[in-house]
C-alpha atoms as a PDB file:
ATOM      1  CA  MET A   1      27.840  11.633 -19.140  1.00  0.00           C
ATOM      2  CA  ASP A   2      27.632   7.811 -17.895  1.00  0.00           C
ATOM      3  CA  ILE A   3      25.249   6.333 -15.543  1.00  0.00           C
ATOM      4  CA  THR A   4      27.665   6.562 -12.775  1.00  0.00           C
ATOM      5  CA  THR A   5      28.563   9.790 -12.817  1.00  0.00           C
ATOM      6  CA  THR A   6      24.757  10.905 -13.592  1.00  0.00           C
ATOM      7  CA  PHE A   7      23.740   9.190  -9.748  1.00  0.00           C
ATOM      8  CA  THR A   8      26.383  10.322  -7.979  1.00  0.00           C
ATOM      9  CA  THR A   9      25.643  13.947  -8.981  1.00  0.00           C
ATOM     10  CA  ILE A  10      22.436  13.681  -8.180  1.00  0.00           C
ATOM     11  CA  LEU A  11      23.203  12.211  -4.465  1.00  0.00           C
ATOM     12  CA  ALA A  12      25.651  15.131  -4.600  1.00  0.00           C
ATOM     13  CA  LEU A  13      22.617  17.440  -5.568  1.00  0.00           C
ATOM     14  CA  VAL A  14      20.108  15.862  -2.468  1.00  0.00           C
ATOM     15  CA  LEU A  15      23.205  15.916   0.052  1.00  0.00           C
ATOM     16  CA  ILE A  16      22.962  19.703  -1.453  1.00  0.00           C
ATOM     17  CA  PHE A  17      19.400  20.054  -1.170  1.00  0.00           C
ATOM     18  CA  LEU A  18      19.356  18.729   2.495  1.00  0.00           C
ATOM     19  CA  PHE A  19      22.094  20.972   3.970  1.00  0.00           C
ATOM     20  CA  ALA A  20      19.904  24.081   2.110  1.00  0.00           C
ATOM     21  CA  ILE A  21      17.108  23.071   4.236  1.00  0.00           C
ATOM     22  CA  GLN A  22      19.076  22.713   7.064  1.00  0.00           C
ATOM     23  CA  LYS A  23      20.633  25.979   6.695  1.00  0.00           C
ATOM     24  CA  PHE A  24      17.059  27.694   5.697  1.00  0.00           C
ATOM     25  CA  GLY A  25      15.960  26.464   8.642  1.00  0.00           C
ATOM     26  CA  HIS A  26      18.850  27.819  11.028  1.00  0.00           C
ATOM     27  CA  GLN A  27      18.435  31.085   9.318  1.00  0.00           C
ATOM     28  CA  ILE A  28      14.427  31.870   9.553  1.00  0.00           C
ATOM     29  CA  GLU A  29      15.611  30.631  13.549  1.00  0.00           C
ATOM     30  CA  ARG A  30      18.105  32.962  13.763  1.00  0.00           C
ATOM     31  CA  VAL A  31      16.221  35.928  11.734  1.00  0.00           C
ATOM     32  CA  ALA A  32      12.616  35.463  13.366  1.00  0.00           C
ATOM     33  CA  GLY A  33      12.317  32.697  15.791  1.00  0.00           C
ATOM     34  CA  LYS A  34      11.790  35.264  18.479  1.00  0.00           C
ATOM     35  CA  ARG A  35       8.519  36.455  15.932  1.00  0.00           C
ATOM     36  CA  LEU A  36       7.290  32.967  15.432  1.00  0.00           C
ATOM     37  CA  ARG A  37       7.526  32.537  18.791  1.00  0.00           C
ATOM     38  CA  GLU A  38       5.530  34.810  19.915  1.00  0.00           C
ATOM     39  CA  VAL A  39       3.316  34.343  16.703  1.00  0.00           C
ATOM     40  CA  PHE A  40       2.688  30.488  18.160  1.00  0.00           C
ATOM     41  CA  HIS A  41       2.019  31.778  21.581  1.00  0.00           C
ATOM     42  CA  ASN A  42      -0.177  34.682  21.000  1.00  0.00           C
ATOM     43  CA  PHE A  43      -2.508  33.233  17.945  1.00  0.00           C
ATOM     44  CA  THR A  44      -2.673  29.511  18.619  1.00  0.00           C
ATOM     45  CA  ASN A  45      -5.303  29.210  21.477  1.00  0.00           C
ATOM     46  CA  ARG A  46      -7.823  27.752  19.518  1.00  0.00           C
ATOM     47  CA  PRO A  47      -7.722  24.735  16.765  1.00  0.00           C
ATOM     48  CA  SER A  48      -9.173  26.898  13.488  1.00  0.00           C
ATOM     49  CA  LYS A  49      -6.282  29.906  14.632  1.00  0.00           C
ATOM     50  CA  ALA A  50      -3.854  26.953  15.306  1.00  0.00           C
ATOM     51  CA  ILE A  51      -4.216  25.508  12.104  1.00  0.00           C
ATOM     52  CA  ALA A  52      -4.443  28.697   9.973  1.00  0.00           C
ATOM     53  CA  VAL A  53      -1.030  29.996  11.548  1.00  0.00           C
ATOM     54  CA  GLY A  54       0.590  26.577  11.015  1.00  0.00           C
ATOM     55  CA  THR A  55      -0.646  26.722   6.805  1.00  0.00           C
ATOM     56  CA  LEU A  56       0.778  30.995   6.963  1.00  0.00           C
ATOM     57  CA  VAL A  57       4.204  30.115   8.573  1.00  0.00           C
ATOM     58  CA  SER A  58       4.668  26.710   6.103  1.00  0.00           C
ATOM     59  CA  SER A  59       3.678  28.557   3.493  1.00  0.00           C
ATOM     60  CA  ILE A  60       6.157  31.560   3.820  1.00  0.00           C
ATOM     61  CA  LEU A  61       8.669  28.685   5.485  1.00  0.00           C
ATOM     62  CA  PRO A  62       8.867  25.734   3.591  1.00  0.00           C
ATOM     63  CA  SER A  63      10.853  23.390   6.244  1.00  0.00           C
ATOM     64  CA  SER A  64       9.406  21.853   8.463  1.00  0.00           C
ATOM     65  CA  MET A  65      12.248  20.593  10.401  1.00  0.00           C
ATOM     66  CA  ALA A  66      12.514  24.265  11.589  1.00  0.00           C
ATOM     67  CA  ILE A  67       8.791  24.942  12.379  1.00  0.00           C
ATOM     68  CA  SER A  68       8.723  20.706  14.089  1.00  0.00           C
ATOM     69  CA  VAL A  69      11.789  22.549  16.311  1.00  0.00           C
ATOM     70  CA  ILE A  70      10.689  25.733  17.669  1.00  0.00           C
ATOM     71  CA  LEU A  71       7.053  23.860  17.841  1.00  0.00           C
ATOM     72  CA  VAL A  72       8.777  21.083  20.422  1.00  0.00           C
ATOM     73  CA  ASP A  73      10.794  23.851  21.574  1.00  0.00           C
ATOM     74  CA  LEU A  74       7.706  25.842  22.923  1.00  0.00           C
ATOM     75  CA  VAL A  75       6.004  22.595  24.173  1.00  0.00           C
ATOM     76  CA  ASN A  76       8.909  21.857  25.851  1.00  0.00           C
ATOM     77  CA  ALA A  77       9.436  25.684  27.794  1.00  0.00           C
ATOM     78  CA  GLY A  78       5.482  24.978  28.684  1.00  0.00           C
ATOM     79  CA  ILE A  79       5.039  28.182  26.401  1.00  0.00           C
ATOM     80  CA  ILE A  80       2.163  26.457  24.444  1.00  0.00           C
ATOM     81  CA  ALA A  81      -0.101  23.156  25.071  1.00  0.00           C
ATOM     82  CA  SER A  82       0.464  20.237  22.827  1.00  0.00           C
ATOM     83  CA  TYR A  83      -3.195  21.168  21.954  1.00  0.00           C
ATOM     84  CA  ASN A  84      -2.168  24.056  20.371  1.00  0.00           C
ATOM     85  CA  ALA A  85       0.791  22.545  18.871  1.00  0.00           C
ATOM     86  CA  ILE A  86      -0.983  20.130  16.949  1.00  0.00           C
ATOM     87  CA  GLY A  87      -3.450  22.328  15.688  1.00  0.00           C
ATOM     88  CA  VAL A  88      -0.095  24.140  14.387  1.00  0.00           C
ATOM     89  CA  VAL A  89       1.177  20.549  12.720  1.00  0.00           C
ATOM     90  CA  VAL A  90      -2.391  19.803  10.956  1.00  0.00           C
ATOM     91  CA  GLY A  91      -1.402  23.497   9.436  1.00  0.00           C
ATOM     92  CA  ALA A  92       2.126  22.992   8.857  1.00  0.00           C
ATOM     93  CA  ASN A  93       0.907  20.049   6.912  1.00  0.00           C
ATOM     94  CA  LEU A  94      -0.867  22.036   4.098  1.00  0.00           C
ATOM     95  CA  GLY A  95       2.873  24.120   3.921  1.00  0.00           C
ATOM     96  CA  ILE A  96       3.793  21.372   1.132  1.00  0.00           C
ATOM     97  CA  ILE A  97       0.499  22.229  -1.004  1.00  0.00           C
ATOM     98  CA  VAL A  98       2.800  25.643  -1.722  1.00  0.00           C
ATOM     99  CA  THR A  99       5.997  24.256  -2.351  1.00  0.00           C
ATOM    100  CA  SER A 100       4.373  21.887  -4.422  1.00  0.00           C
ATOM    101  CA  GLN A 101       2.827  24.585  -6.863  1.00  0.00           C
ATOM    102  CA  LEU A 102       5.859  26.771  -6.791  1.00  0.00           C
ATOM    103  CA  ILE A 103       7.471  23.535  -8.524  1.00  0.00           C
ATOM    104  CA  ALA A 104       4.785  23.208 -11.005  1.00  0.00           C
ATOM    105  CA  LEU A 105       5.412  26.763 -11.633  1.00  0.00           C
ATOM    106  CA  ASN A 106       8.822  26.456 -12.591  1.00  0.00           C
ATOM    107  CA  MET A 107       9.753  28.082  -9.751  1.00  0.00           C
ATOM    108  CA  THR A 108      13.288  25.798 -10.223  1.00  0.00           C
ATOM    109  CA  TYR A 109      14.045  27.965 -13.753  1.00  0.00           C
ATOM    110  CA  VAL A 110      14.144  31.507 -11.023  1.00  0.00           C
ATOM    111  CA  ALA A 111      16.361  29.509  -8.659  1.00  0.00           C
ATOM    112  CA  PRO A 112      19.430  30.586  -9.691  1.00  0.00           C
ATOM    113  CA  ILE A 113      18.556  34.130 -10.092  1.00  0.00           C
ATOM    114  CA  VAL A 114      17.221  34.373  -6.116  1.00  0.00           C
ATOM    115  CA  VAL A 115      20.299  32.347  -5.143  1.00  0.00           C
ATOM    116  CA  ILE A 116      22.301  35.658  -7.162  1.00  0.00           C
ATOM    117  CA  ILE A 117      20.218  37.868  -5.202  1.00  0.00           C
ATOM    118  CA  GLY A 118      20.309  36.047  -2.203  1.00  0.00           C
ATOM    119  CA  PHE A 119      24.125  36.512  -2.019  1.00  0.00           C
ATOM    120  CA  ILE A 120      24.446  39.563  -3.238  1.00  0.00           C
ATOM    121  CA  VAL A 121      22.130  41.107  -0.516  1.00  0.00           C
ATOM    122  CA  SER A 122      23.863  38.966   2.492  1.00  0.00           C
ATOM    123  CA  HIS A 123      27.248  41.109   1.129  1.00  0.00           C
ATOM    124  CA  THR A 124      25.382  44.731   1.655  1.00  0.00           C
ATOM    125  CA  HIS A 125      25.122  46.120   4.385  1.00  0.00           C
ATOM    126  CA  SER A 126      21.486  47.590   4.096  1.00  0.00           C
ATOM    127  CA  LYS A 127      18.926  46.978   6.621  1.00  0.00           C
ATOM    128  CA  PHE A 128      18.154  43.768   4.454  1.00  0.00           C
ATOM    129  CA  LYS A 129      21.119  42.075   5.273  1.00  0.00           C
ATOM    130  CA  LYS A 130      20.040  39.791   7.721  1.00  0.00           C
ATOM    131  CA  TYR A 131      17.919  37.947   5.393  1.00  0.00           C
ATOM    132  CA  GLY A 132      20.100  37.659   2.619  1.00  0.00           C
ATOM    133  CA  LYS A 133      21.373  34.096   3.451  1.00  0.00           C
ATOM    134  CA  ALA A 134      17.705  32.856   4.193  1.00  0.00           C
ATOM    135  CA  VAL A 135      16.723  34.113   0.708  1.00  0.00           C
ATOM    136  CA  PHE A 136      20.286  32.166  -0.587  1.00  0.00           C
ATOM    137  CA  TYR A 137      19.466  28.964   0.958  1.00  0.00           C
ATOM    138  CA  PHE A 138      15.921  29.306   0.176  1.00  0.00           C
ATOM    139  CA  GLY A 139      17.296  29.316  -3.802  1.00  0.00           C
ATOM    140  CA  VAL A 140      19.681  26.970  -3.304  1.00  0.00           C
ATOM    141  CA  ILE A 141      16.681  24.136  -2.426  1.00  0.00           C
ATOM    142  CA  PHE A 142      15.110  24.968  -5.867  1.00  0.00           C
ATOM    143  CA  LEU A 143      18.631  25.585  -7.783  1.00  0.00           C
ATOM    144  CA  ALA A 144      19.391  21.318  -6.541  1.00  0.00           C
ATOM    145  CA  LEU A 145      15.916  20.583  -7.747  1.00  0.00           C
ATOM    146  CA  PHE A 146      16.587  22.239 -11.083  1.00  0.00           C
ATOM    147  CA  ILE A 147      19.721  20.539 -11.677  1.00  0.00           C
ATOM    148  CA  ILE A 148      18.432  17.458 -10.767  1.00  0.00           C
ATOM    149  CA  SER A 149      15.474  18.002 -13.497  1.00  0.00           C
ATOM    150  CA  ILE A 150      18.439  18.512 -16.275  1.00  0.00           C
ATOM    151  CA  LEU A 151      20.252  15.492 -15.006  1.00  0.00           C
ATOM    152  CA  ILE A 152      17.159  13.295 -15.059  1.00  0.00           C
ATOM    153  CA  GLU A 153      16.414  14.762 -18.318  1.00  0.00           C
ATOM    154  CA  PRO A 154      19.033  12.230 -20.097  1.00  0.00           C
ATOM    155  CA  LEU A 155      17.804   8.890 -18.125  1.00  0.00           C
ATOM    156  CA  LYS A 156      14.424   8.722 -20.350  1.00  0.00           C
ATOM    157  CA  SER A 157      16.638   6.667 -22.316  1.00  0.00           C
ATOM    158  CA  ASN A 158      18.656   4.253 -19.972  1.00  0.00           C
ATOM    159  CA  PRO A 159      16.715   0.841 -19.996  1.00  0.00           C
ATOM    160  CA  GLN A 160      17.452  -0.232 -16.533  1.00  0.00           C
ATOM    161  CA  PHE A 161      16.192   3.259 -14.909  1.00  0.00           C
ATOM    162  CA  LEU A 162      13.278   2.652 -17.349  1.00  0.00           C
ATOM    163  CA  SER A 163      12.438  -0.951 -16.071  1.00  0.00           C
ATOM    164  CA  PHE A 164      12.881  -0.075 -12.457  1.00  0.00           C
ATOM    165  CA  LEU A 165      10.348   2.831 -13.030  1.00  0.00           C
ATOM    166  CA  GLN A 166       7.947   0.362 -15.250  1.00  0.00           C
ATOM    167  CA  SER A 167       8.833  -2.396 -12.910  1.00  0.00           C
ATOM    168  CA  ILE A 168       5.731  -0.455 -10.657  1.00  0.00           C
ATOM    169  CA  SER A 169       2.444  -1.917 -11.207  1.00  0.00           C
ATOM    170  CA  ASN A 170      -0.143  -0.174  -8.900  1.00  0.00           C
ATOM    171  CA  PRO A 171      -0.164   2.840  -6.473  1.00  0.00           C
ATOM    172  CA  TYR A 172      -0.359   0.505  -3.241  1.00  0.00           C
ATOM    173  CA  GLU A 173       3.891  -0.850  -4.145  1.00  0.00           C
ATOM    174  CA  ALA A 174       4.478   3.049  -4.989  1.00  0.00           C
ATOM    175  CA  ILE A 175       3.216   3.870  -1.490  1.00  0.00           C
ATOM    176  CA  ILE A 176       5.689   1.389  -0.352  1.00  0.00           C
ATOM    177  CA  ILE A 177       8.615   2.127  -2.486  1.00  0.00           C
ATOM    178  CA  GLY A 178       7.756   5.923  -1.817  1.00  0.00           C
ATOM    179  CA  ALA A 179       8.547   5.161   2.069  1.00  0.00           C
ATOM    180  CA  VAL A 180      11.671   3.331   1.588  1.00  0.00           C
ATOM    181  CA  LEU A 181      13.203   5.907  -1.221  1.00  0.00           C
ATOM    182  CA  THR A 182      12.243   8.617   1.509  1.00  0.00           C
ATOM    183  CA  ILE A 183      14.496   6.695   3.872  1.00  0.00           C
ATOM    184  CA  MET A 184      17.451   7.168   1.272  1.00  0.00           C
ATOM    185  CA  VAL A 185      17.221  10.976   0.812  1.00  0.00           C
ATOM    186  CA  GLN A 186      15.636  11.400   4.488  1.00  0.00           C
ATOM    187  CA  SER A 187      13.683  14.559   3.302  1.00  0.00           C
ATOM    188  CA  GLY A 188       9.682  14.286   2.030  1.00  0.00           C
ATOM    189  CA  ALA A 189       9.836  17.739   0.569  1.00  0.00           C
ATOM    190  CA  LEU A 190      12.843  16.667  -1.633  1.00  0.00           C
ATOM    191  CA  PHE A 191      10.940  13.479  -2.775  1.00  0.00           C
ATOM    192  CA  ALA A 192       7.699  15.385  -3.092  1.00  0.00           C
ATOM    193  CA  GLY A 193      10.022  17.453  -5.821  1.00  0.00           C
ATOM    194  CA  LEU A 194      11.431  14.210  -7.636  1.00  0.00           C
ATOM    195  CA  VAL A 195       7.951  12.678  -8.480  1.00  0.00           C
ATOM    196  CA  LEU A 196       6.824  15.970  -9.905  1.00  0.00           C
ATOM    197  CA  ILE A 197      10.088  16.453 -12.254  1.00  0.00           C
ATOM    198  CA  LEU A 198       9.793  12.407 -12.949  1.00  0.00           C
ATOM    199  CA  ALA A 199       5.989  12.867 -14.053  1.00  0.00           C
ATOM    200  CA  ASN A 200       6.689  15.986 -15.978  1.00  0.00           C
ATOM    201  CA  GLY A 201       9.330  14.236 -17.783  1.00  0.00           C
ATOM    202  CA  ASN A 202       6.629  11.603 -18.643  1.00  0.00           C
ATOM    203  CA  LEU A 203       8.714   9.070 -16.684  1.00  0.00           C
ATOM    204  CA  ILE A 204       5.877   7.902 -14.473  1.00  0.00           C
ATOM    205  CA  GLY A 205       2.153   8.053 -14.714  1.00  0.00           C
ATOM    206  CA  LEU A 206      -0.627   9.358 -12.130  1.00  0.00           C
ATOM    207  CA  PRO A 207      -1.156   6.287 -10.132  1.00  0.00           C
ATOM    208  CA  GLU A 208       2.601   5.555  -9.543  1.00  0.00           C
ATOM    209  CA  ALA A 209       3.223   9.462  -8.397  1.00  0.00           C
ATOM    210  CA  VAL A 210       0.010   9.731  -6.148  1.00  0.00           C
ATOM    211  CA  GLY A 211       1.519   6.677  -4.285  1.00  0.00           C
ATOM    212  CA  PHE A 212       4.842   8.198  -4.120  1.00  0.00           C
ATOM    213  CA  LEU A 213       3.374  11.218  -2.690  1.00  0.00           C
ATOM    214  CA  LEU A 214       1.329   9.128  -0.546  1.00  0.00           C
ATOM    215  CA  GLY A 215       4.098   7.213   0.537  1.00  0.00           C
ATOM    216  CA  CYS A 216       6.605  10.161   1.057  1.00  0.00           C
ATOM    217  CA  GLY A 217       5.012  11.147   4.100  1.00  0.00           C
ATOM    218  CA  ILE A 218       5.095   7.939   6.151  1.00  0.00           C
ATOM    219  CA  THR A 219       8.604   8.056   6.678  1.00  0.00           C
ATOM    220  CA  PRO A 220       9.638  11.515   7.841  1.00  0.00           C
ATOM    221  CA  ALA A 221       6.526  11.494   9.970  1.00  0.00           C
ATOM    222  CA  LEU A 222       8.160   7.954  11.779  1.00  0.00           C
ATOM    223  CA  THR A 223      11.284   9.048  12.049  1.00  0.00           C
ATOM    224  CA  ALA A 224       9.879  12.413  13.735  1.00  0.00           C
ATOM    225  CA  VAL A 225       8.449   9.703  16.849  1.00  0.00           C
ATOM    226  CA  VAL A 226      11.864   8.231  17.148  1.00  0.00           C
ATOM    227  CA  ALA A 227      13.579  11.722  17.266  1.00  0.00           C
ATOM    228  CA  SER A 228      11.364  12.661  19.680  1.00  0.00           C
ATOM    229  CA  THR A 229      12.316  10.413  22.377  1.00  0.00           C
ATOM    230  CA  SER A 230      14.170  12.231  24.356  1.00  0.00           C
ATOM    231  CA  ALA A 231      11.433  15.119  24.168  1.00  0.00           C
ATOM    232  CA  THR A 232       9.195  15.878  27.326  1.00  0.00           C
ATOM    233  CA  LEU A 233       5.735  13.847  27.159  1.00  0.00           C
ATOM    234  CA  GLU A 234       4.017  16.668  26.073  1.00  0.00           C
ATOM    235  CA  ALA A 235       6.254  17.669  23.476  1.00  0.00           C
ATOM    236  CA  LYS A 236       6.070  13.812  22.120  1.00  0.00           C
ATOM    237  CA  LYS A 237       2.009  14.427  21.226  1.00  0.00           C
ATOM    238  CA  VAL A 238       3.583  16.793  18.297  1.00  0.00           C
ATOM    239  CA  ALA A 239       5.136  14.123  16.769  1.00  0.00           C
ATOM    240  CA  ILE A 240       2.666  11.635  17.217  1.00  0.00           C
ATOM    241  CA  ALA A 241      -0.220  14.079  15.799  1.00  0.00           C
ATOM    242  CA  ASN A 242       2.128  14.345  12.606  1.00  0.00           C
ATOM    243  CA  ALA A 243       2.583  10.580  12.322  1.00  0.00           C
ATOM    244  CA  TYR A 244      -1.357  10.508  12.913  1.00  0.00           C
ATOM    245  CA  PHE A 245      -1.945  12.821  10.039  1.00  0.00           C
ATOM    246  CA  ASN A 246       0.074  11.516   7.220  1.00  0.00           C
ATOM    247  CA  ILE A 247       0.018   7.865   8.027  1.00  0.00           C
ATOM    248  CA  GLY A 248      -3.342   7.946   9.473  1.00  0.00           C
ATOM    249  CA  GLY A 249      -4.279   9.580   6.215  1.00  0.00           C
ATOM    250  CA  VAL A 250      -2.565   7.204   3.743  1.00  0.00           C
ATOM    251  CA  ILE A 251      -4.452   4.279   5.755  1.00  0.00           C
ATOM    252  CA  LEU A 252      -7.831   6.656   5.099  1.00  0.00           C
ATOM    253  CA  PHE A 253      -7.110   7.123   1.443  1.00  0.00           C
ATOM    254  CA  ALA A 254      -5.618   3.900   0.670  1.00  0.00           C
ATOM    255  CA  PRO A 255      -9.143   1.801  -0.066  1.00  0.00           C
ATOM    256  CA  PHE A 256     -10.279   4.690  -2.896  1.00  0.00           C
ATOM    257  CA  LEU A 257      -7.543   5.285  -4.241  1.00  0.00           C
ATOM    258  CA  TYR A 258      -8.704   4.345  -8.109  1.00  0.00           C
ATOM    259  CA  PRO A 259     -11.370   6.304  -7.322  1.00  0.00           C
ATOM    260  CA  PHE A 260      -9.276   8.933  -6.132  1.00  0.00           C
ATOM    261  CA  ILE A 261      -7.078   9.193  -9.180  1.00  0.00           C
ATOM    262  CA  LYS A 262     -10.018   8.996 -11.746  1.00  0.00           C
ATOM    263  CA  LEU A 263     -11.243  12.545  -9.810  1.00  0.00           C
ATOM    264  CA  LEU A 264      -7.931  13.903 -10.336  1.00  0.00           C
ATOM    265  CA  GLN A 265      -7.841  12.976 -14.147  1.00  0.00           C
ATOM    266  CA  PHE A 266     -11.313  14.585 -14.456  1.00  0.00           C
ATOM    267  CA  ILE A 267     -10.638  17.540 -12.823  1.00  0.00           C
ATOM    268  CA  SER A 268      -7.391  18.412 -14.923  1.00  0.00           C
ATOM    269  CA  THR A 269      -5.710  16.794 -18.456  1.00  0.00           C
ATOM    270  CA  ASN A 270      -2.073  17.915 -17.529  1.00  0.00           C
ATOM    271  CA  GLU A 271       0.008  15.673 -15.256  1.00  0.00           C
ATOM    272  CA  VAL A 272       1.857  17.630 -13.204  1.00  0.00           C
ATOM    273  CA  GLN A 273      -1.227  19.565 -12.218  1.00  0.00           C
ATOM    274  CA  GLN A 274      -2.774  16.509 -11.037  1.00  0.00           C
ATOM    275  CA  ILE A 275      -0.693  15.377  -8.699  1.00  0.00           C
ATOM    276  CA  VAL A 276      -0.617  18.693  -7.360  1.00  0.00           C
ATOM    277  CA  ASN A 277      -4.246  18.893  -7.118  1.00  0.00           C
ATOM    278  CA  ALA A 278      -3.761  15.242  -4.859  1.00  0.00           C
ATOM    279  CA  THR A 279      -1.636  16.823  -2.861  1.00  0.00           C
ATOM    280  CA  PHE A 280      -4.282  19.596  -2.236  1.00  0.00           C
ATOM    281  CA  ILE A 281      -6.952  17.162  -1.779  1.00  0.00           C
ATOM    282  CA  PHE A 282      -5.468  14.848   0.155  1.00  0.00           C
ATOM    283  CA  ASN A 283      -3.861  17.117   2.704  1.00  0.00           C
ATOM    284  CA  VAL A 284      -6.862  19.773   2.859  1.00  0.00           C
ATOM    285  CA  SER A 285      -9.234  16.838   3.175  1.00  0.00           C
ATOM    286  CA  ILE A 286      -7.104  15.283   6.098  1.00  0.00           C
ATOM    287  CA  ALA A 287      -7.013  18.608   7.927  1.00  0.00           C
ATOM    288  CA  ILE A 288     -10.762  19.335   7.429  1.00  0.00           C
ATOM    289  CA  LEU A 289     -10.878  16.000   9.395  1.00  0.00           C
ATOM    290  CA  CYS A 290      -8.456  16.816  12.191  1.00  0.00           C
ATOM    291  CA  PHE A 291     -10.474  20.027  12.668  1.00  0.00           C
ATOM    292  CA  VAL A 292     -13.825  18.689  12.377  1.00  0.00           C
ATOM    293  CA  PHE A 293     -13.092  15.986  15.151  1.00  0.00           C
ATOM    294  CA  PHE A 294     -10.322  17.531  16.885  1.00  0.00           C
ATOM    295  CA  LYS A 295     -11.097  16.868  20.498  1.00  0.00           C
ATOM    296  CA  TYR A 296     -11.176  12.994  19.634  1.00  0.00           C
ATOM    297  CA  PHE A 297      -8.163  13.763  17.114  1.00  0.00           C
ATOM    298  CA  ASP A 298      -6.345  15.062  20.615  1.00  0.00           C
ATOM    299  CA  ARG A 299      -7.180  12.165  22.909  1.00  0.00           C
ATOM    300  CA  LEU A 300      -6.261  10.146  20.205  1.00  0.00           C
ATOM    301  CA  VAL A 301      -2.752  11.867  20.468  1.00  0.00           C
ATOM    302  CA  GLU A 302      -2.991  11.701  23.927  1.00  0.00           C
ATOM    303  CA  LYS A 303      -3.590   8.199  24.678  1.00  0.00           C
ATOM    304  CA  THR A 304      -1.323   6.999  22.150  1.00  0.00           C
ATOM    305  CA  THR A 305       1.727   8.864  23.486  1.00  0.00           C
ATOM    306  CA  VAL A 306       0.704   7.632  26.826  1.00  0.00           C
ATOM    307  CA  LEU A 307       0.558   3.753  25.643  1.00  0.00           C
ATOM    308  CA  LEU A 308       4.021   4.188  23.891  1.00  0.00           C
ATOM    309  CA  TYR A 309       6.128   6.582  26.454  1.00  0.00           C
ATOM    310  CA  LYS A 310       4.469   5.036  29.541  1.00  0.00           C
ATOM    311  CA  LYS A 311       7.046   4.565  32.139  1.00  0.00           C
END
């Protein structure tokens, strides 16, 4: 397969991944949307509970899109206060830890089986039929990553591709490139998966991988802020909180990137596990800060929202 065909196929798989994420979110919304709304309404009255609920839901539902849609709907309808929704947003950002761990544990290799099971269940007449499509699209998400990992393997010997990766000299460049490339794939989760695949193939080093991961959270956060312009002022706070979590987190970590990388190398010698640990430490650290200073975080979100959207 020549380089043009390889990249065209990878692009097609990226589109399949995005399609599967969208469909998976819609299926979860159809099957469990009412129950999720009840959970968000009944168990988010305190920041600690809201963060726990956000973490739990995002672990089961690896689609920030679906969670965001439900949250914005609830806040718009006045069913849940933005104060409580912000806690869920903080917890939902911890869900990427589970997704990264699944990829590190080679979930991609069992994806074909998940797709087959989902397809069969969705065409049966059992009580589990309604879950079949959700399982199917969940499998397709990881199947797309699995096929991409196979296609990337021959690129190890491609001079142009290697030259591009080798031109990235430090993690700060990688943050910027990660943010830009995420605009192209329109999915932070997908880009994070690609980073793990590249690292597993020894195509990028740990500093570049950490930079890519930090950068890939910036674009979706900004996109969410832009997309929320038609929502109510209270609903806009959800997008602002997500932007502060991801972008503010990168700003806080930026001065300490090299000590952070050394810490990761001290904890583990396996590069893929180092990247998973980086995701874990980054998201948990920012979540703890948000929890400890939750009232101040909420006030910051409130003031920023009013400043940006005041009439």
